[in-house]
Amino acid sequence: MGADIRFDGQVVIVTGAGGGLGRSHALEFARRGAKVVVNDLGASIDGSGGSSAAADAVVAEIVSAGGEAIADGGSVTNDAGVAAMVERAMSTWGRVDVLVANAGILRDKSFAKMEIADFASVVDVHLMGTMKPVKALWEIMRAQNYGRIVVTTSSTGLYGNFGQSNYGAAKLSLVGLMNTLKLEGGKNNIRVNAISPVAATRMTDALMPPEMLTKLAPEHVTPGVVYLASPDAPNGAVLTAGAGVFALAQIVETEGAFLGAGASAEAVRDHWTQITDPAGAEAYQSGAGQTQKFLRKSAV
């Protein structure tokens, strides 16, 4: 049992923090001593519209509880808006220690009925709307030799969900982004992790009965985010969280089978049981682990 996790003297940016998960995260970071940038465009769940009222309300909650926070109403997809948000944090407090990239939208439809514009919009907000704040903060975190980044993935990206091909593609892309950033940021003490939440928010209100919504309150996810953003955070973890349950999701690869350089499609078929045998499966820390396995197994 260690000491309480604190963020005194640290600056935390939370995107999409005007409600739901982001609001819960922002309030908890402030309660633990952080100065918080509450970013929220104030749009509807499909990304349309905008208002600063949601972010302002969360800042008011933090300030009334004795904390420090500023509101930012910019879009995470807008280059100038992201730059202005980071510049304001730096000019106000002189550093940024943590980014929780939480902003997102939904435009659910079956793939057959989905417009390409709806696919592009969701990818833009979730992927580019995470990458752009990360990019704006990357050199700052490298220069101060400290940074914690938490991206938000989803079970839809990890496992699939009917009617959410755009959302699933965008959410799993963030795991790919994390997997490279964890390697590139390591030498400057920048750790990058992913949270995969199941929570009752505006995005799920119409999908669940009231008793389930209560059980899946956003506040039950936030402890995982706080840990992933802490000085003792892991690096490259996908933490799933919901209803007070926390688990680690991993991409693993089986040991596989060496079928020879001239192997046929029929050989793959005939050895499928061996190829897919889960015994000895491994979660590689980089793509090089897979290559090394291939070379090891083919060295006969």
C-alpha atoms as a PDB file:
ATOM      1  CA  MET A   1       0.000   0.000   0.000  1.00  0.00           C
ATOM      2  CA  GLY A   2       1.639   3.229  -1.144  1.00  0.00           C
ATOM      3  CA  ALA A   3       0.889   6.880  -0.522  1.00  0.00           C
ATOM      4  CA  ASP A   4      -2.120   8.573  -2.068  1.00  0.00           C
ATOM      5  CA  ILE A   5      -1.709   9.526  -5.721  1.00  0.00           C
ATOM      6  CA  ARG A   6      -1.411  13.311  -5.899  1.00  0.00           C
ATOM      7  CA  PHE A   7      -0.986  15.851  -8.699  1.00  0.00           C
ATOM      8  CA  ASP A   8       0.072  18.894  -6.682  1.00  0.00           C
ATOM      9  CA  GLY A   9       1.974  21.285  -8.930  1.00  0.00           C
ATOM     10  CA  GLN A  10       0.943  19.381 -12.047  1.00  0.00           C
ATOM     11  CA  VAL A  11      -1.176  20.622 -14.934  1.00  0.00           C
ATOM     12  CA  VAL A  12      -3.709  18.284 -16.531  1.00  0.00           C
ATOM     13  CA  ILE A  13      -5.615  18.786 -19.794  1.00  0.00           C
ATOM     14  CA  VAL A  14      -8.805  16.759 -20.182  1.00  0.00           C
ATOM     15  CA  THR A  15     -10.572  16.951 -23.542  1.00  0.00           C
ATOM     16  CA  GLY A  16     -14.300  16.403 -23.789  1.00  0.00           C
ATOM     17  CA  ALA A  17     -14.534  17.296 -20.106  1.00  0.00           C
ATOM     18  CA  GLY A  18     -17.850  19.124 -20.084  1.00  0.00           C
ATOM     19  CA  GLY A  19     -19.831  16.034 -19.090  1.00  0.00           C
ATOM     20  CA  GLY A  20     -19.769  12.287 -18.581  1.00  0.00           C
ATOM     21  CA  LEU A  21     -16.370  10.627 -18.312  1.00  0.00           C
ATOM     22  CA  GLY A  22     -14.344  13.765 -19.002  1.00  0.00           C
ATOM     23  CA  ARG A  23     -16.111  15.744 -16.293  1.00  0.00           C
ATOM     24  CA  SER A  24     -15.558  12.936 -13.800  1.00  0.00           C
ATOM     25  CA  HIS A  25     -11.859  12.792 -14.692  1.00  0.00           C
ATOM     26  CA  ALA A  26     -11.407  16.570 -14.462  1.00  0.00           C
ATOM     27  CA  LEU A  27     -13.077  16.812 -11.053  1.00  0.00           C
ATOM     28  CA  GLU A  28     -10.975  13.982  -9.620  1.00  0.00           C
ATOM     29  CA  PHE A  29      -7.679  15.367 -10.910  1.00  0.00           C
ATOM     30  CA  ALA A  30      -8.570  18.715  -9.339  1.00  0.00           C
ATOM     31  CA  ARG A  31      -9.507  17.017  -6.067  1.00  0.00           C
ATOM     32  CA  ARG A  32      -6.054  15.451  -6.069  1.00  0.00           C
ATOM     33  CA  GLY A  33      -4.304  18.797  -6.443  1.00  0.00           C
ATOM     34  CA  ALA A  34      -3.961  19.269 -10.210  1.00  0.00           C
ATOM     35  CA  LYS A  35      -4.549  22.468 -12.108  1.00  0.00           C
ATOM     36  CA  VAL A  36      -6.975  21.451 -14.845  1.00  0.00           C
ATOM     37  CA  VAL A  37      -7.738  22.635 -18.356  1.00  0.00           C
ATOM     38  CA  VAL A  38     -11.360  21.659 -18.982  1.00  0.00           C
ATOM     39  CA  ASN A  39     -11.732  21.358 -22.745  1.00  0.00           C
ATOM     40  CA  ASP A  40     -15.139  20.841 -24.300  1.00  0.00           C
ATOM     41  CA  LEU A  41     -16.623  22.035 -27.568  1.00  0.00           C
ATOM     42  CA  GLY A  42     -20.082  21.701 -26.074  1.00  0.00           C
ATOM     43  CA  ALA A  43     -21.394  19.907 -29.156  1.00  0.00           C
ATOM     44  CA  SER A  44     -24.124  17.298 -29.409  1.00  0.00           C
ATOM     45  CA  ILE A  45     -23.094  13.650 -29.429  1.00  0.00           C
ATOM     46  CA  ASP A  46     -22.841  13.658 -33.244  1.00  0.00           C
ATOM     47  CA  GLY A  47     -20.410  16.584 -33.107  1.00  0.00           C
ATOM     48  CA  SER A  48     -22.781  19.308 -34.272  1.00  0.00           C
ATOM     49  CA  GLY A  49     -23.178  22.668 -32.571  1.00  0.00           C
ATOM     50  CA  GLY A  50     -21.040  24.068 -29.803  1.00  0.00           C
ATOM     51  CA  SER A  51     -21.166  26.028 -26.559  1.00  0.00           C
ATOM     52  CA  SER A  52     -18.710  26.846 -23.792  1.00  0.00           C
ATOM     53  CA  ALA A  53     -21.374  26.446 -21.085  1.00  0.00           C
ATOM     54  CA  ALA A  54     -20.503  22.809 -20.286  1.00  0.00           C
ATOM     55  CA  ALA A  55     -16.798  23.496 -19.764  1.00  0.00           C
ATOM     56  CA  ASP A  56     -17.551  26.654 -17.766  1.00  0.00           C
ATOM     57  CA  ALA A  57     -19.847  24.696 -15.440  1.00  0.00           C
ATOM     58  CA  VAL A  58     -17.145  22.110 -14.675  1.00  0.00           C
ATOM     59  CA  VAL A  59     -14.597  24.857 -14.014  1.00  0.00           C
ATOM     60  CA  ALA A  60     -17.084  26.475 -11.623  1.00  0.00           C
ATOM     61  CA  GLU A  61     -17.428  23.168  -9.763  1.00  0.00           C
ATOM     62  CA  ILE A  62     -13.658  22.863  -9.413  1.00  0.00           C
ATOM     63  CA  VAL A  63     -13.168  26.453  -8.299  1.00  0.00           C
ATOM     64  CA  SER A  64     -16.013  26.287  -5.789  1.00  0.00           C
ATOM     65  CA  ALA A  65     -14.304  23.262  -4.235  1.00  0.00           C
ATOM     66  CA  GLY A  66     -11.074  25.242  -3.859  1.00  0.00           C
ATOM     67  CA  GLY A  67      -9.283  24.024  -6.982  1.00  0.00           C
ATOM     68  CA  GLU A  68      -7.767  25.729 -10.013  1.00  0.00           C
ATOM     69  CA  ALA A  69      -9.104  25.300 -13.533  1.00  0.00           C
ATOM     70  CA  ILE A  70      -9.640  27.109 -16.814  1.00  0.00           C
ATOM     71  CA  ALA A  71     -12.190  26.377 -19.519  1.00  0.00           C
ATOM     72  CA  ASP A  72     -11.373  25.836 -23.175  1.00  0.00           C
ATOM     73  CA  GLY A  73     -14.096  25.634 -25.796  1.00  0.00           C
ATOM     74  CA  GLY A  74     -11.958  24.735 -28.804  1.00  0.00           C
ATOM     75  CA  SER A  75     -12.362  21.729 -31.066  1.00  0.00           C
ATOM     76  CA  VAL A  76      -9.688  19.055 -30.750  1.00  0.00           C
ATOM     77  CA  THR A  77      -9.748  18.703 -34.548  1.00  0.00           C
ATOM     78  CA  ASN A  78      -8.852  22.359 -35.138  1.00  0.00           C
ATOM     79  CA  ASP A  79      -5.106  22.983 -35.365  1.00  0.00           C
ATOM     80  CA  ALA A  80      -5.313  26.621 -34.257  1.00  0.00           C
ATOM     81  CA  GLY A  81      -7.720  25.762 -31.445  1.00  0.00           C
ATOM     82  CA  VAL A  82      -5.461  23.022 -30.105  1.00  0.00           C
ATOM     83  CA  ALA A  83      -2.423  25.307 -30.296  1.00  0.00           C
ATOM     84  CA  ALA A  84      -4.317  28.039 -28.436  1.00  0.00           C
ATOM     85  CA  MET A  85      -5.391  25.592 -25.713  1.00  0.00           C
ATOM     86  CA  VAL A  86      -1.827  24.436 -25.096  1.00  0.00           C
ATOM     87  CA  GLU A  87      -0.466  27.985 -25.251  1.00  0.00           C
ATOM     88  CA  ARG A  88      -3.022  29.134 -22.695  1.00  0.00           C
ATOM     89  CA  ALA A  89      -2.103  26.327 -20.334  1.00  0.00           C
ATOM     90  CA  MET A  90       1.590  27.152 -20.708  1.00  0.00           C
ATOM     91  CA  SER A  91       1.138  30.897 -20.274  1.00  0.00           C
ATOM     92  CA  THR A  92      -1.081  30.356 -17.226  1.00  0.00           C
ATOM     93  CA  TRP A  93       0.863  27.624 -15.434  1.00  0.00           C
ATOM     94  CA  GLY A  94       4.132  27.103 -17.336  1.00  0.00           C
ATOM     95  CA  ARG A  95       3.867  23.372 -17.926  1.00  0.00           C
ATOM     96  CA  VAL A  96       1.566  20.514 -18.880  1.00  0.00           C
ATOM     97  CA  ASP A  97       2.136  17.139 -17.235  1.00  0.00           C
ATOM     98  CA  VAL A  98      -0.883  15.088 -18.252  1.00  0.00           C
ATOM     99  CA  LEU A  99      -3.174  14.840 -21.263  1.00  0.00           C
ATOM    100  CA  VAL A 100      -6.342  12.783 -21.037  1.00  0.00           C
ATOM    101  CA  ALA A 101      -7.701  12.589 -24.592  1.00  0.00           C
ATOM    102  CA  ASN A 102     -11.351  11.837 -23.991  1.00  0.00           C
ATOM    103  CA  ALA A 103     -13.292  13.870 -26.584  1.00  0.00           C
ATOM    104  CA  GLY A 104     -15.415  11.898 -29.013  1.00  0.00           C
ATOM    105  CA  ILE A 105     -18.595  11.733 -31.069  1.00  0.00           C
ATOM    106  CA  LEU A 106     -20.937   9.002 -32.296  1.00  0.00           C
ATOM    107  CA  ARG A 107     -22.586   8.580 -35.677  1.00  0.00           C
ATOM    108  CA  ASP A 108     -23.904   5.026 -35.494  1.00  0.00           C
ATOM    109  CA  LYS A 109     -25.291   3.225 -38.530  1.00  0.00           C
ATOM    110  CA  SER A 110     -24.797  -0.161 -40.094  1.00  0.00           C
ATOM    111  CA  PHE A 111     -21.915  -0.113 -42.566  1.00  0.00           C
ATOM    112  CA  ALA A 112     -24.327  -0.628 -45.467  1.00  0.00           C
ATOM    113  CA  LYS A 113     -26.204   2.565 -44.579  1.00  0.00           C
ATOM    114  CA  MET A 114     -23.284   4.682 -43.384  1.00  0.00           C
ATOM    115  CA  GLU A 115     -22.273   7.752 -45.364  1.00  0.00           C
ATOM    116  CA  ILE A 116     -18.546   8.158 -45.927  1.00  0.00           C
ATOM    117  CA  ALA A 117     -18.783  11.619 -44.349  1.00  0.00           C
ATOM    118  CA  ASP A 118     -20.017  10.046 -41.108  1.00  0.00           C
ATOM    119  CA  PHE A 119     -17.090   7.634 -41.130  1.00  0.00           C
ATOM    120  CA  ALA A 120     -14.606  10.443 -41.754  1.00  0.00           C
ATOM    121  CA  SER A 121     -16.056  12.696 -39.054  1.00  0.00           C
ATOM    122  CA  VAL A 122     -15.804  10.053 -36.353  1.00  0.00           C
ATOM    123  CA  VAL A 123     -12.227   9.147 -37.318  1.00  0.00           C
ATOM    124  CA  ASP A 124     -11.338  12.856 -37.400  1.00  0.00           C
ATOM    125  CA  VAL A 125     -12.559  13.538 -33.864  1.00  0.00           C
ATOM    126  CA  HIS A 126     -11.292  10.366 -32.197  1.00  0.00           C
ATOM    127  CA  LEU A 127      -7.984   9.810 -34.013  1.00  0.00           C
ATOM    128  CA  MET A 128      -6.923  13.244 -35.235  1.00  0.00           C
ATOM    129  CA  GLY A 129      -8.568  14.869 -32.205  1.00  0.00           C
ATOM    130  CA  THR A 130      -6.252  12.782 -30.021  1.00  0.00           C
ATOM    131  CA  MET A 131      -3.151  13.060 -32.177  1.00  0.00           C
ATOM    132  CA  LYS A 132      -3.275  16.857 -32.485  1.00  0.00           C
ATOM    133  CA  PRO A 133      -3.207  17.625 -28.725  1.00  0.00           C
ATOM    134  CA  VAL A 134      -0.543  14.927 -28.263  1.00  0.00           C
ATOM    135  CA  LYS A 135       1.536  16.482 -31.043  1.00  0.00           C
ATOM    136  CA  ALA A 136       1.125  19.974 -29.579  1.00  0.00           C
ATOM    137  CA  LEU A 137       2.345  18.717 -26.188  1.00  0.00           C
ATOM    138  CA  TRP A 138       5.006  16.242 -27.314  1.00  0.00           C
ATOM    139  CA  GLU A 139       7.986  18.623 -27.416  1.00  0.00           C
ATOM    140  CA  ILE A 140       6.867  20.279 -24.176  1.00  0.00           C
ATOM    141  CA  MET A 141       6.836  16.918 -22.421  1.00  0.00           C
ATOM    142  CA  ARG A 142      10.155  15.903 -23.991  1.00  0.00           C
ATOM    143  CA  ALA A 143      11.774  19.151 -22.840  1.00  0.00           C
ATOM    144  CA  GLN A 144      10.560  18.733 -19.255  1.00  0.00           C
ATOM    145  CA  ASN A 145      11.397  14.997 -19.319  1.00  0.00           C
ATOM    146  CA  TYR A 146       7.974  14.129 -18.016  1.00  0.00           C
ATOM    147  CA  GLY A 147       4.587  13.401 -19.488  1.00  0.00           C
ATOM    148  CA  ARG A 148       1.610  11.143 -19.022  1.00  0.00           C
ATOM    149  CA  ILE A 149      -0.845  10.612 -21.871  1.00  0.00           C
ATOM    150  CA  VAL A 150      -4.065   8.631 -21.622  1.00  0.00           C
ATOM    151  CA  VAL A 151      -5.947   7.918 -24.843  1.00  0.00           C
ATOM    152  CA  THR A 152      -9.482   6.579 -24.837  1.00  0.00           C
ATOM    153  CA  THR A 153     -10.173   3.379 -26.739  1.00  0.00           C
ATOM    154  CA  SER A 154     -13.301   1.200 -26.607  1.00  0.00           C
ATOM    155  CA  SER A 155     -14.506  -2.373 -26.540  1.00  0.00           C
ATOM    156  CA  THR A 156     -15.988  -1.577 -29.950  1.00  0.00           C
ATOM    157  CA  GLY A 157     -12.455  -1.114 -31.261  1.00  0.00           C
ATOM    158  CA  LEU A 158     -11.040  -4.070 -29.371  1.00  0.00           C
ATOM    159  CA  TYR A 159     -13.844  -6.535 -30.061  1.00  0.00           C
ATOM    160  CA  GLY A 160     -16.454  -4.993 -32.381  1.00  0.00           C
ATOM    161  CA  ASN A 161     -20.026  -3.767 -32.018  1.00  0.00           C
ATOM    162  CA  PHE A 162     -22.838  -3.775 -34.553  1.00  0.00           C
ATOM    163  CA  GLY A 163     -23.459  -0.404 -36.191  1.00  0.00           C
ATOM    164  CA  GLN A 164     -20.169   1.165 -35.130  1.00  0.00           C
ATOM    165  CA  SER A 165     -17.639   0.448 -37.877  1.00  0.00           C
ATOM    166  CA  ASN A 166     -16.503   4.090 -37.887  1.00  0.00           C
ATOM    167  CA  TYR A 167     -16.206   4.283 -34.098  1.00  0.00           C
ATOM    168  CA  GLY A 168     -14.471   0.900 -33.856  1.00  0.00           C
ATOM    169  CA  ALA A 169     -11.921   1.778 -36.529  1.00  0.00           C
ATOM    170  CA  ALA A 170     -11.164   5.089 -34.851  1.00  0.00           C
ATOM    171  CA  LYS A 171     -10.901   3.604 -31.375  1.00  0.00           C
ATOM    172  CA  LEU A 172      -8.556   0.761 -32.276  1.00  0.00           C
ATOM    173  CA  SER A 173      -6.373   3.203 -34.229  1.00  0.00           C
ATOM    174  CA  LEU A 174      -5.601   4.873 -30.902  1.00  0.00           C
ATOM    175  CA  VAL A 175      -4.078   1.627 -29.618  1.00  0.00           C
ATOM    176  CA  GLY A 176      -1.794   1.660 -32.645  1.00  0.00           C
ATOM    177  CA  LEU A 177      -0.846   5.268 -31.920  1.00  0.00           C
ATOM    178  CA  MET A 178      -0.141   4.396 -28.282  1.00  0.00           C
ATOM    179  CA  ASN A 179       2.010   1.414 -29.216  1.00  0.00           C
ATOM    180  CA  THR A 180       4.490   3.598 -31.086  1.00  0.00           C
ATOM    181  CA  LEU A 181       4.378   6.611 -28.767  1.00  0.00           C
ATOM    182  CA  LYS A 182       5.145   4.413 -25.741  1.00  0.00           C
ATOM    183  CA  LEU A 183       8.425   3.494 -27.455  1.00  0.00           C
ATOM    184  CA  GLU A 184       9.337   6.950 -28.719  1.00  0.00           C
ATOM    185  CA  GLY A 185       8.507   8.725 -25.460  1.00  0.00           C
ATOM    186  CA  GLY A 186      10.183   6.274 -23.105  1.00  0.00           C
ATOM    187  CA  LYS A 187      13.605   7.914 -22.948  1.00  0.00           C
ATOM    188  CA  ASN A 188      11.988  11.222 -21.900  1.00  0.00           C
ATOM    189  CA  ASN A 189       9.785   9.655 -19.213  1.00  0.00           C
ATOM    190  CA  ILE A 190       6.647  10.065 -21.303  1.00  0.00           C
ATOM    191  CA  ARG A 191       4.299   7.163 -20.664  1.00  0.00           C
ATOM    192  CA  VAL A 192       1.311   6.526 -22.901  1.00  0.00           C
ATOM    193  CA  ASN A 193      -1.604   4.292 -21.942  1.00  0.00           C
ATOM    194  CA  ALA A 194      -5.196   3.650 -23.012  1.00  0.00           C
ATOM    195  CA  ILE A 195      -8.419   3.458 -21.051  1.00  0.00           C
ATOM    196  CA  SER A 196     -11.299   1.403 -22.453  1.00  0.00           C
ATOM    197  CA  PRO A 197     -14.352   2.539 -20.486  1.00  0.00           C
ATOM    198  CA  VAL A 198     -17.862   1.202 -20.202  1.00  0.00           C
ATOM    199  CA  ALA A 199     -19.872   4.028 -18.700  1.00  0.00           C
ATOM    200  CA  ALA A 200     -23.262   5.676 -18.703  1.00  0.00           C
ATOM    201  CA  THR A 201     -22.849   8.942 -20.608  1.00  0.00           C
ATOM    202  CA  ARG A 202     -24.802  10.968 -23.143  1.00  0.00           C
ATOM    203  CA  MET A 203     -23.661   8.402 -25.691  1.00  0.00           C
ATOM    204  CA  THR A 204     -25.271   5.481 -23.849  1.00  0.00           C
ATOM    205  CA  ASP A 205     -28.271   7.043 -22.058  1.00  0.00           C
ATOM    206  CA  ALA A 206     -30.752   5.806 -24.627  1.00  0.00           C
ATOM    207  CA  LEU A 207     -29.273   2.310 -24.777  1.00  0.00           C
ATOM    208  CA  MET A 208     -29.475   1.158 -21.162  1.00  0.00           C
ATOM    209  CA  PRO A 209     -32.118   0.859 -18.418  1.00  0.00           C
ATOM    210  CA  PRO A 210     -31.808   3.221 -15.403  1.00  0.00           C
ATOM    211  CA  GLU A 211     -30.452   0.602 -12.978  1.00  0.00           C
ATOM    212  CA  MET A 212     -27.663  -0.258 -15.416  1.00  0.00           C
ATOM    213  CA  LEU A 213     -26.844   3.409 -15.949  1.00  0.00           C
ATOM    214  CA  THR A 214     -26.337   3.796 -12.202  1.00  0.00           C
ATOM    215  CA  LYS A 215     -24.054   0.776 -12.009  1.00  0.00           C
ATOM    216  CA  LEU A 216     -21.997   2.105 -14.928  1.00  0.00           C
ATOM    217  CA  ALA A 217     -21.492   5.633 -13.607  1.00  0.00           C
ATOM    218  CA  PRO A 218     -18.450   7.423 -15.104  1.00  0.00           C
ATOM    219  CA  GLU A 219     -16.990   7.819 -11.624  1.00  0.00           C
ATOM    220  CA  HIS A 220     -16.290   4.071 -11.608  1.00  0.00           C
ATOM    221  CA  VAL A 221     -13.884   4.476 -14.556  1.00  0.00           C
ATOM    222  CA  THR A 222     -11.972   7.535 -13.353  1.00  0.00           C
ATOM    223  CA  PRO A 223      -9.733   5.735 -10.792  1.00  0.00           C
ATOM    224  CA  GLY A 224      -8.158   3.812 -13.660  1.00  0.00           C
ATOM    225  CA  VAL A 225      -7.477   7.018 -15.595  1.00  0.00           C
ATOM    226  CA  VAL A 226      -5.933   8.639 -12.522  1.00  0.00           C
ATOM    227  CA  TYR A 227      -3.559   5.714 -12.077  1.00  0.00           C
ATOM    228  CA  LEU A 228      -2.603   5.680 -15.774  1.00  0.00           C
ATOM    229  CA  ALA A 229      -1.768   9.394 -15.474  1.00  0.00           C
ATOM    230  CA  SER A 230       0.234   9.066 -12.264  1.00  0.00           C
ATOM    231  CA  PRO A 231       4.025   9.124 -11.824  1.00  0.00           C
ATOM    232  CA  ASP A 232       3.975   5.344 -11.259  1.00  0.00           C
ATOM    233  CA  ALA A 233       1.912   4.624 -14.375  1.00  0.00           C
ATOM    234  CA  PRO A 234       2.679   1.640 -16.585  1.00  0.00           C
ATOM    235  CA  ASN A 235       3.558   2.226 -20.237  1.00  0.00           C
ATOM    236  CA  GLY A 236       1.536   0.865 -23.142  1.00  0.00           C
ATOM    237  CA  ALA A 237      -1.296  -0.677 -21.144  1.00  0.00           C
ATOM    238  CA  VAL A 238      -4.906  -0.966 -22.307  1.00  0.00           C
ATOM    239  CA  LEU A 239      -6.940  -0.793 -19.113  1.00  0.00           C
ATOM    240  CA  THR A 240     -10.597  -1.750 -19.401  1.00  0.00           C
ATOM    241  CA  ALA A 241     -12.926  -0.326 -16.772  1.00  0.00           C
ATOM    242  CA  GLY A 242     -16.599  -0.311 -15.855  1.00  0.00           C
ATOM    243  CA  ALA A 243     -18.889  -0.830 -12.854  1.00  0.00           C
ATOM    244  CA  GLY A 244     -15.876  -0.961 -10.540  1.00  0.00           C
ATOM    245  CA  VAL A 245     -14.189  -3.732 -12.542  1.00  0.00           C
ATOM    246  CA  PHE A 246     -10.702  -3.225 -14.012  1.00  0.00           C
ATOM    247  CA  ALA A 247      -8.888  -5.565 -16.416  1.00  0.00           C
ATOM    248  CA  LEU A 248      -5.992  -5.516 -18.862  1.00  0.00           C
ATOM    249  CA  ALA A 249      -6.702  -6.041 -22.561  1.00  0.00           C
ATOM    250  CA  GLN A 250      -3.837  -7.305 -24.691  1.00  0.00           C
ATOM    251  CA  ILE A 251      -3.131  -8.114 -28.301  1.00  0.00           C
ATOM    252  CA  VAL A 252      -1.427 -11.492 -28.196  1.00  0.00           C
ATOM    253  CA  GLU A 253       0.090 -13.701 -30.873  1.00  0.00           C
ATOM    254  CA  THR A 254       0.311 -17.459 -30.802  1.00  0.00           C
ATOM    255  CA  GLU A 255       3.643 -19.246 -31.132  1.00  0.00           C
ATOM    256  CA  GLY A 256       2.480 -20.434 -34.522  1.00  0.00           C
ATOM    257  CA  ALA A 257       3.985 -23.050 -36.814  1.00  0.00           C
ATOM    258  CA  PHE A 258       6.899 -23.067 -39.258  1.00  0.00           C
ATOM    259  CA  LEU A 259       5.584 -24.488 -42.526  1.00  0.00           C
ATOM    260  CA  GLY A 260       8.576 -23.734 -44.715  1.00  0.00           C
ATOM    261  CA  ALA A 261       9.340 -20.901 -47.115  1.00  0.00           C
ATOM    262  CA  GLY A 262       7.385 -22.588 -49.910  1.00  0.00           C
ATOM    263  CA  ALA A 263       4.312 -23.384 -47.810  1.00  0.00           C
ATOM    264  CA  SER A 264       1.016 -23.683 -49.671  1.00  0.00           C
ATOM    265  CA  ALA A 265      -2.432 -22.416 -48.750  1.00  0.00           C
ATOM    266  CA  GLU A 266      -3.348 -26.057 -48.146  1.00  0.00           C
ATOM    267  CA  ALA A 267      -0.505 -26.344 -45.610  1.00  0.00           C
ATOM    268  CA  VAL A 268      -1.917 -23.334 -43.741  1.00  0.00           C
ATOM    269  CA  ARG A 269      -5.339 -25.000 -43.755  1.00  0.00           C
ATOM    270  CA  ASP A 270      -4.000 -28.357 -42.614  1.00  0.00           C
ATOM    271  CA  HIS A 271      -1.955 -26.851 -39.787  1.00  0.00           C
ATOM    272  CA  TRP A 272      -4.623 -24.376 -38.628  1.00  0.00           C
ATOM    273  CA  THR A 273      -5.016 -26.053 -35.238  1.00  0.00           C
ATOM    274  CA  GLN A 274      -1.275 -25.736 -34.578  1.00  0.00           C
ATOM    275  CA  ILE A 275      -1.132 -22.168 -35.902  1.00  0.00           C
ATOM    276  CA  THR A 276      -3.950 -21.078 -33.596  1.00  0.00           C
ATOM    277  CA  ASP A 277      -2.918 -23.039 -30.497  1.00  0.00           C
ATOM    278  CA  PRO A 278      -3.028 -20.467 -27.642  1.00  0.00           C
ATOM    279  CA  ALA A 279      -0.340 -22.234 -25.594  1.00  0.00           C
ATOM    280  CA  GLY A 280       2.662 -19.935 -25.327  1.00  0.00           C
ATOM    281  CA  ALA A 281       0.909 -16.916 -26.826  1.00  0.00           C
ATOM    282  CA  GLU A 282       2.757 -13.660 -26.197  1.00  0.00           C
ATOM    283  CA  ALA A 283       2.004  -9.927 -26.061  1.00  0.00           C
ATOM    284  CA  TYR A 284       4.951  -8.310 -27.833  1.00  0.00           C
ATOM    285  CA  GLN A 285       6.352  -4.996 -26.651  1.00  0.00           C
ATOM    286  CA  SER A 286       7.126  -3.956 -30.227  1.00  0.00           C
ATOM    287  CA  GLY A 287       6.885  -5.294 -33.756  1.00  0.00           C
ATOM    288  CA  ALA A 288      10.462  -6.525 -33.462  1.00  0.00           C
ATOM    289  CA  GLY A 289       9.301  -9.291 -31.111  1.00  0.00           C
ATOM    290  CA  GLN A 290       7.246 -10.850 -33.869  1.00  0.00           C
ATOM    291  CA  THR A 291      10.112 -10.622 -36.365  1.00  0.00           C
ATOM    292  CA  GLN A 292      12.481 -12.280 -33.916  1.00  0.00           C
ATOM    293  CA  LYS A 293      10.033 -15.150 -33.495  1.00  0.00           C
ATOM    294  CA  PHE A 294       9.757 -15.632 -37.235  1.00  0.00           C
ATOM    295  CA  LEU A 295      13.543 -15.780 -37.581  1.00  0.00           C
ATOM    296  CA  ARG A 296      13.880 -18.117 -34.589  1.00  0.00           C
ATOM    297  CA  LYS A 297      11.250 -20.570 -35.840  1.00  0.00           C
ATOM    298  CA  SER A 298      12.592 -20.554 -39.384  1.00  0.00           C
ATOM    299  CA  ALA A 299      16.180 -21.261 -38.289  1.00  0.00           C
ATOM    300  CA  VAL A 300      16.048 -24.997 -38.953  1.00  0.00           C
END
